[in-house]
């Protein structure tokens, strides 16, 4: 779709409309997820190959219960990093972006 002939308000409204559609699609996906997971589990293998997609089973990242001394070191490192951030400028990043919050 060409945006050359649109006004800035038209472009903004187009972005809002697309974000509303995206939110609706995400909601539909969330509602379908339990049935989708159950359907995949019924296949009884780690991969389902269909004409339009390959569905693969994978594990989410694991979580560990670290000993206290490691947890303390992690907290100390986070504190040191935050102190560094307060006294130094970032070397990369800091791009201007515009965000859309739907009301």
Protein backbone atom coordinates (compact mmCIF):
# COMPACT_ATOMS: atom_id res chain seq x y z
CA UNK A 1 0.00 0.00 0.00
CA UNK A 2 1.43 3.37 -0.99
CA UNK A 3 1.67 5.94 1.75
CA UNK A 4 2.94 8.80 -0.44
CA UNK A 5 -0.49 10.36 -0.99
CA UNK A 6 -1.69 9.96 2.60
CA UNK A 7 -1.64 12.75 5.17
CA UNK A 8 0.25 12.24 8.41
CA UNK A 9 -3.07 11.77 10.25
CA UNK A 10 -4.11 9.14 7.68
CA UNK A 11 -0.86 7.26 8.25
CA UNK A 12 -1.30 7.46 12.03
CA UNK A 13 -4.89 6.22 11.77
CA UNK A 14 -3.77 3.39 9.48
CA UNK A 15 -1.19 2.35 12.08
CA UNK A 16 -3.85 2.44 14.82
CA UNK A 17 -6.18 0.28 12.73
CA UNK A 18 -3.44 -2.26 12.08
CA UNK A 19 -2.53 -2.36 15.77
CA UNK A 20 -6.19 -3.02 16.64
CA UNK A 21 -6.23 -5.89 14.12
CA UNK A 22 -2.99 -7.24 15.58
CA UNK A 23 -4.42 -7.12 19.12
CA UNK A 24 -7.50 -8.99 17.89
CA UNK A 25 -5.35 -11.66 16.23
CA UNK A 26 -3.24 -12.07 19.37
CA UNK A 27 -6.44 -12.51 21.40
CA UNK A 28 -7.72 -15.15 18.96
CA UNK A 29 -4.38 -16.98 19.16
CA UNK A 30 -4.45 -16.95 22.98
CA UNK A 31 -7.96 -18.44 22.96
CA UNK A 32 -6.91 -21.16 20.49
CA UNK A 33 -3.63 -22.10 22.20
CA UNK A 34 -4.98 -24.74 24.64
CA UNK A 35 -6.81 -26.62 21.87
CA UNK A 36 -3.79 -26.25 19.55
CA UNK A 37 -1.43 -27.69 22.17
CA UNK A 38 -3.81 -30.58 22.81
CA UNK A 39 -4.10 -31.28 19.07
CA UNK A 40 -0.32 -31.27 18.69
CA UNK A 41 0.09 -33.59 21.70
CA UNK A 42 -2.34 -36.06 20.09
CA UNK A 43 0.08 -36.45 17.18
CA UNK A 44 2.44 -38.35 19.52
CA UNK A 45 5.65 -37.21 17.87
CA UNK A 46 7.93 -34.19 18.12
CA UNK A 47 7.15 -32.80 14.68
CA UNK A 48 4.01 -32.34 12.62
CA UNK A 49 4.57 -31.65 8.91
CA UNK A 50 1.71 -30.07 7.04
CA UNK A 51 1.48 -28.42 3.64
CA UNK A 52 1.79 -24.87 5.01
CA UNK A 53 3.86 -25.37 8.16
CA UNK A 54 6.09 -27.63 10.18
CA UNK A 55 5.13 -27.70 13.85
CA UNK A 56 7.99 -28.69 16.15
CA UNK A 57 7.90 -29.50 19.84
CA UNK A 58 10.56 -27.83 21.97
CA UNK A 59 11.21 -27.17 25.63
CA UNK A 60 11.16 -23.74 27.19
CA UNK A 61 14.36 -22.61 28.95
CA UNK A 62 14.99 -24.30 32.29
CA UNK A 63 15.18 -22.55 35.64
CA UNK A 64 17.68 -23.21 38.36
CA UNK A 65 17.64 -22.64 42.11
CA UNK A 66 21.12 -21.21 42.60
CA UNK A 67 22.91 -21.37 45.95
CA UNK A 68 22.84 -18.19 48.03
CA UNK A 69 26.45 -17.19 47.28
CA UNK A 70 25.75 -17.17 43.53
CA UNK A 71 22.54 -15.19 44.01
CA UNK A 72 24.44 -12.64 46.10
CA UNK A 73 27.12 -12.31 43.41
CA UNK A 74 24.43 -11.76 40.80
CA UNK A 75 22.82 -9.01 42.91
CA UNK A 76 26.21 -7.37 43.40
CA UNK A 77 26.90 -7.49 39.66
CA UNK A 78 23.51 -5.92 38.90
CA UNK A 79 24.25 -3.15 41.39
CA UNK A 80 27.67 -2.51 39.82
CA UNK A 81 26.14 -2.42 36.34
CA UNK A 82 23.48 0.05 37.45
CA UNK A 83 26.11 2.30 39.04
CA UNK A 84 28.07 2.14 35.77
CA UNK A 85 24.97 3.07 33.74
CA UNK A 86 24.36 6.09 35.97
CA UNK A 87 27.85 7.47 35.36
CA UNK A 88 28.38 6.55 31.68
CA UNK A 89 26.60 7.18 28.40
CA UNK A 90 25.50 4.17 26.30
CA UNK A 91 27.74 3.26 23.37
CA UNK A 92 24.87 2.14 21.10
CA UNK A 93 21.10 2.15 21.00
CA UNK A 94 19.22 5.33 21.78
CA UNK A 95 17.11 5.51 18.66
CA UNK A 96 13.95 7.59 18.44
CA UNK A 97 10.86 5.40 18.16
CA UNK A 98 7.15 6.12 18.34
CA UNK A 99 4.94 3.74 20.27
CA UNK A 100 1.21 3.16 19.90
CA UNK A 101 -0.89 2.62 23.01
CA UNK A 102 -4.44 1.62 22.23
CA UNK A 103 -7.12 3.13 24.46
